[in-house]
């Protein structure tokens, strides 16, 4: 084999490797920030090409994840890896883990899609309604530094939209931190109806950050004379809630036994 044939073989191998990278790893990622992609996006949006941003944030994000999550466990005192060590790590550990992760994520997405299709619950609001109608979540206070910090942040950032205090109860509307257009309605009084519409409360109960922010707001507002009609909100502890539930169950059991005795006697 002469030199020209060897060079040609190397180039062919490079092209095949590049095709493999494009097909298995990149997909539309590379195309998404090329000049051709900007022209295509400009045509779709009917705007000049200069309005289309040029960014490779997705590649930078992956690069950061690769360095911070995968390579760091092979480094000692944050020293750079030798090229041969890096190649071994990429081939034997990192790449197989990435492939497994992608397969697991694909399987998870397929399973979720299959279950949603089977249950006909593609609408998020329907999911929330299903949980609320089948599972009662109780409001109680327990130590949670993260929730407390989030509640203070919501209150300080004016995340309380409005409140309403009538004979039916005390309701507070709190803005979502993750979705600017989303507002949760919180009931603080009466306690039996207390709750929040957020996913955190619906699945965990207790006092989510929105409930805690509402409590902070109401107790702060009632310090002024014009709002002294507002009740002071003090949420019960978990043990107090459990105690009240047990008493309620025992009361129902006694009433049931009494009704059975009356029925038998008559």
Protein backbone atom coordinates (compact mmCIF):
# COMPACT_ATOMS: atom_id res chain seq x y z
CA UNK A 1 0.00 0.00 0.00
CA UNK A 2 1.49 3.36 -1.05
CA UNK A 3 1.35 6.63 0.91
CA UNK A 4 -1.66 7.97 -1.00
CA UNK A 5 -3.70 4.87 -0.23
CA UNK A 6 -2.80 5.09 3.46
CA UNK A 7 -3.87 8.74 3.59
CA UNK A 8 -7.11 7.90 1.80
CA UNK A 9 -7.82 5.09 4.29
CA UNK A 10 -7.25 7.48 7.21
CA UNK A 11 -9.62 10.04 5.71
CA UNK A 12 -12.28 7.39 5.10
CA UNK A 13 -11.95 6.26 8.71
CA UNK A 14 -12.30 9.85 9.92
CA UNK A 15 -15.43 10.33 7.83
CA UNK A 16 -17.00 7.13 9.18
CA UNK A 17 -16.17 8.15 12.74
CA UNK A 18 -17.66 11.60 12.15
CA UNK A 19 -20.82 10.01 10.71
CA UNK A 20 -21.05 7.80 13.80
CA UNK A 21 -20.73 10.83 16.10
CA UNK A 22 -23.40 12.68 14.16
CA UNK A 23 -25.83 9.75 14.12
CA UNK A 24 -25.36 8.43 17.66
CA UNK A 25 -24.53 11.52 19.69
CA UNK A 26 -25.18 14.85 18.03
CA UNK A 27 -28.38 14.49 16.05
CA UNK A 28 -29.51 18.04 15.31
CA UNK A 29 -27.28 19.60 17.98
CA UNK A 30 -24.50 20.60 15.61
CA UNK A 31 -26.92 21.73 12.92
CA UNK A 32 -28.87 23.82 15.40
CA UNK A 33 -26.23 26.56 15.63
CA UNK A 34 -24.73 26.48 12.13
CA UNK A 35 -25.30 29.16 9.52
CA UNK A 36 -27.62 26.87 7.57
CA UNK A 37 -29.76 26.34 10.66
CA UNK A 38 -29.97 30.09 11.27
CA UNK A 39 -31.17 30.63 7.72
CA UNK A 40 -33.76 27.87 8.13
CA UNK A 41 -34.97 29.29 11.46
CA UNK A 42 -35.17 32.80 9.97
CA UNK A 43 -37.40 31.51 7.17
CA UNK A 44 -39.72 29.76 9.64
CA UNK A 45 -39.99 32.85 11.85
CA UNK A 46 -40.13 35.21 8.88
CA UNK A 47 -37.41 37.45 10.30
CA UNK A 48 -33.97 38.56 9.24
CA UNK A 49 -31.11 36.13 9.93
CA UNK A 50 -29.46 38.66 12.23
CA UNK A 51 -32.28 38.18 14.75
CA UNK A 52 -31.47 34.49 15.17
CA UNK A 53 -29.04 33.99 18.10
CA UNK A 54 -25.82 32.07 17.61
CA UNK A 55 -25.25 29.83 20.58
CA UNK A 56 -23.82 26.45 21.48
CA UNK A 57 -25.17 26.44 25.03
CA UNK A 58 -26.22 22.81 24.74
CA UNK A 59 -22.64 21.79 23.93
CA UNK A 60 -21.24 23.96 26.72
CA UNK A 61 -23.74 22.42 29.14
CA UNK A 62 -22.66 18.91 28.19
CA UNK A 63 -19.01 19.90 28.46
CA UNK A 64 -19.59 21.28 31.95
CA UNK A 65 -21.48 18.14 32.97
CA UNK A 66 -18.69 15.96 31.59
CA UNK A 67 -16.01 17.81 33.55
CA UNK A 68 -17.92 18.27 36.81
CA UNK A 69 -19.76 14.95 37.04
CA UNK A 70 -17.78 12.34 35.12
CA UNK A 71 -14.13 13.36 34.95
CA UNK A 72 -13.84 14.70 38.48
CA UNK A 73 -14.14 11.28 40.10
CA UNK A 74 -11.01 10.16 38.21
CA UNK A 75 -8.99 13.25 39.13
CA UNK A 76 -6.81 13.70 42.19
CA UNK A 77 -6.84 17.16 43.72
CA UNK A 78 -8.43 18.48 40.51
CA UNK A 79 -5.29 17.77 38.48
CA UNK A 80 -5.65 17.27 34.75
CA UNK A 81 -5.80 13.70 33.49
CA UNK A 82 -3.08 12.34 31.24
CA UNK A 83 -4.23 11.72 27.69
CA UNK A 84 -3.87 7.94 27.96
CA UNK A 85 -5.75 7.92 31.29
CA UNK A 86 -8.48 10.09 29.81
CA UNK A 87 -8.92 7.73 26.86
CA UNK A 88 -9.20 4.70 29.16
CA UNK A 89 -11.77 6.51 31.34
CA UNK A 90 -13.80 7.56 28.31
CA UNK A 91 -13.79 4.11 26.70
CA UNK A 92 -14.23 1.88 29.76
CA UNK A 93 -16.38 3.96 32.12
CA UNK A 94 -17.77 7.28 30.94
CA UNK A 95 -19.07 6.35 27.48
CA UNK A 96 -20.79 3.12 28.64
CA UNK A 97 -22.43 5.05 31.50
CA UNK A 98 -23.65 7.71 29.10
CA UNK A 99 -25.11 5.07 26.79
CA UNK A 100 -26.84 3.30 29.68
CA UNK A 101 -28.22 6.60 30.92
CA UNK A 102 -29.62 7.45 27.50
CA UNK A 103 -31.23 4.02 27.20
CA UNK A 104 -32.75 4.26 30.69
CA UNK A 105 -34.07 7.75 29.96
CA UNK A 106 -35.58 6.50 26.70
CA UNK A 107 -37.21 3.56 28.49
CA UNK A 108 -38.55 5.89 31.19
CA UNK A 109 -40.02 8.28 28.61
CA UNK A 110 -41.64 5.38 26.78
CA UNK A 111 -43.09 3.96 30.00
CA UNK A 112 -44.50 7.35 31.07
CA UNK A 113 -46.00 7.88 27.62
CA UNK A 114 -47.49 4.38 27.69
CA UNK A 115 -49.05 4.88 31.13
CA UNK A 116 -50.39 8.32 30.27
CA UNK A 117 -51.91 6.93 27.11
CA UNK A 118 -53.45 4.01 29.01
CA UNK A 119 -54.92 6.19 31.74
CA UNK A 120 -55.78 9.06 29.40
CA UNK A 121 -54.09 11.52 31.76
CA UNK A 122 -52.06 13.63 29.38
CA UNK A 123 -53.43 16.82 30.85
CA UNK A 124 -51.46 17.94 33.90
CA UNK A 125 -54.52 19.55 35.48
CA UNK A 126 -56.34 16.21 35.27
CA UNK A 127 -53.46 14.58 37.16
CA UNK A 128 -53.70 17.20 39.91
CA UNK A 129 -57.48 16.82 40.11
CA UNK A 130 -57.13 13.04 40.39
CA UNK A 131 -54.71 13.33 43.30
CA UNK A 132 -56.81 15.94 45.08
CA UNK A 133 -60.00 13.91 44.72
CA UNK A 134 -58.50 10.62 45.93
CA UNK A 135 -55.89 11.56 48.53
CA UNK A 136 -56.36 13.94 51.41
CA UNK A 137 -53.22 15.86 52.31
CA UNK A 138 -53.09 17.54 55.71
CA UNK A 139 -51.32 20.78 56.60
CA UNK A 140 -48.84 20.65 59.46
CA UNK A 141 -45.57 22.36 60.32
CA UNK A 142 -42.26 20.57 60.68
CA UNK A 143 -38.65 21.75 60.53
CA UNK A 144 -37.56 22.23 56.95
CA UNK A 145 -34.82 24.78 56.34
CA UNK A 146 -35.11 24.67 52.55
CA UNK A 147 -38.85 25.30 52.57
CA UNK A 148 -38.45 28.09 55.14
CA UNK A 149 -35.80 29.82 53.04
CA UNK A 150 -37.92 29.47 49.91
CA UNK A 151 -40.95 30.91 51.74
CA UNK A 152 -38.97 33.93 52.93
CA UNK A 153 -37.67 34.43 49.41
CA UNK A 154 -41.19 34.35 47.96
CA UNK A 155 -42.43 36.85 50.55
CA UNK A 156 -39.47 39.21 50.08
CA UNK A 157 -39.84 39.08 46.29
CA UNK A 158 -43.52 40.10 46.58
CA UNK A 159 -44.76 36.69 45.53
CA UNK A 160 -48.04 37.13 47.40
CA UNK A 161 -50.56 38.29 44.82
CA UNK A 162 -53.67 38.80 46.99
CA UNK A 163 -55.68 37.42 49.89
CA UNK A 164 -59.35 37.02 50.74
CA UNK A 165 -60.86 36.60 54.20
CA UNK A 166 -64.57 35.81 54.31
CA UNK A 167 -66.95 33.61 56.26
CA UNK A 168 -65.91 30.67 54.09
CA UNK A 169 -62.24 30.91 55.02
CA UNK A 170 -58.90 32.64 54.57
CA UNK A 171 -57.41 32.27 51.10
CA UNK A 172 -54.06 33.53 49.80
CA UNK A 173 -52.84 33.53 46.20
CA UNK A 174 -49.09 32.88 45.86
CA UNK A 175 -47.07 33.11 42.64
CA UNK A 176 -45.08 30.14 41.41
CA UNK A 177 -41.31 30.56 41.35
CA UNK A 178 -40.79 28.25 38.37
CA UNK A 179 -43.71 29.41 36.20
CA UNK A 180 -44.26 33.16 36.09
CA UNK A 181 -47.85 32.81 34.87
CA UNK A 182 -48.82 30.23 37.50
CA UNK A 183 -50.56 31.25 40.75
CA UNK A 184 -51.48 28.82 43.55
CA UNK A 185 -54.48 29.32 45.78
CA UNK A 186 -53.76 28.50 49.44
CA UNK A 187 -56.37 27.98 52.12
CA UNK A 188 -55.13 28.70 55.66
CA UNK A 189 -58.39 28.69 57.58
CA UNK A 190 -60.31 26.58 58.51
CA UNK A 191 -57.57 24.04 59.14
CA UNK A 192 -59.61 21.08 57.88
CA UNK A 193 -59.75 22.71 54.44
CA UNK A 194 -56.19 24.05 54.51
CA UNK A 195 -54.00 23.18 51.57
CA UNK A 196 -52.19 24.25 48.41
CA UNK A 197 -52.56 23.40 44.74
CA UNK A 198 -48.85 22.79 44.11
CA UNK A 199 -47.42 19.35 43.32
CA UNK A 200 -45.21 19.40 46.42
CA UNK A 201 -48.19 19.63 48.78
CA UNK A 202 -50.41 17.26 46.79
CA UNK A 203 -47.84 14.48 46.99
CA UNK A 204 -46.08 15.19 50.32
CA UNK A 205 -48.51 17.14 52.45
CA UNK A 206 -47.22 19.16 55.39
CA UNK A 207 -46.49 22.81 54.70
CA UNK A 208 -45.03 23.58 51.29
CA UNK A 209 -43.08 26.78 50.61
CA UNK A 210 -46.24 28.49 49.33
CA UNK A 211 -48.18 27.73 52.52
CA UNK A 212 -45.26 28.93 54.65
CA UNK A 213 -45.01 32.13 52.60
CA UNK A 214 -48.74 32.71 53.03
CA UNK A 215 -48.43 32.24 56.81
CA UNK A 216 -45.55 34.74 56.96
CA UNK A 217 -47.57 37.25 54.95
CA UNK A 218 -50.80 36.98 56.97
CA UNK A 219 -49.06 37.17 60.36
CA UNK A 220 -47.06 40.17 59.13
CA UNK A 221 -50.18 41.93 57.81
CA UNK A 222 -52.19 41.47 61.00
CA UNK A 223 -49.64 43.55 62.91
CA UNK A 224 -51.18 46.69 61.43
CA UNK A 225 -54.44 48.02 62.92
CA UNK A 226 -56.32 47.92 59.64
CA UNK A 227 -55.74 44.17 59.37
CA UNK A 228 -56.23 43.14 63.01
CA UNK A 229 -59.33 41.20 61.95
CA UNK A 230 -57.08 38.60 60.36
CA UNK A 231 -56.47 35.50 62.49
CA UNK A 232 -53.02 34.63 63.76
CA UNK A 233 -51.94 31.54 61.84
CA UNK A 234 -50.11 28.84 63.77
CA UNK A 235 -49.98 25.52 62.00
CA UNK A 236 -50.12 22.38 64.14
CA UNK A 237 -47.22 19.97 64.36
CA UNK A 238 -47.29 16.56 62.76
CA UNK A 239 -47.79 14.83 66.10
CA UNK A 240 -50.78 17.07 66.87
CA UNK A 241 -52.34 16.27 63.51
CA UNK A 242 -51.82 12.53 64.01
CA UNK A 243 -53.33 12.76 67.49
CA UNK A 244 -56.42 14.54 66.20
CA UNK A 245 -56.82 11.98 63.42
CA UNK A 246 -56.69 9.11 65.94
CA UNK A 247 -59.32 10.80 68.11
CA UNK A 248 -61.51 11.32 65.05
CA UNK A 249 -61.16 7.66 64.07
CA UNK A 250 -61.95 6.48 67.61
CA UNK A 251 -65.01 8.74 67.69
CA UNK A 252 -66.27 7.32 64.42
CA UNK A 253 -65.67 3.78 65.69
CA UNK A 254 -67.64 4.41 68.92
CA UNK A 255 -70.49 6.00 66.98
CA UNK A 256 -70.54 3.02 64.61
CA UNK A 257 -70.69 0.52 67.51
CA UNK A 258 -73.47 2.55 69.16
CA UNK A 259 -75.54 2.53 65.96
CA UNK A 260 -75.04 -1.22 65.56
CA UNK A 261 -76.22 -1.82 69.14
CA UNK A 262 -79.30 0.33 68.58
CA UNK A 263 -80.08 -1.56 65.38
CA UNK A 264 -79.72 -4.96 67.09
CA UNK A 265 -81.75 -3.86 70.11
CA UNK A 266 -84.62 -2.57 67.98
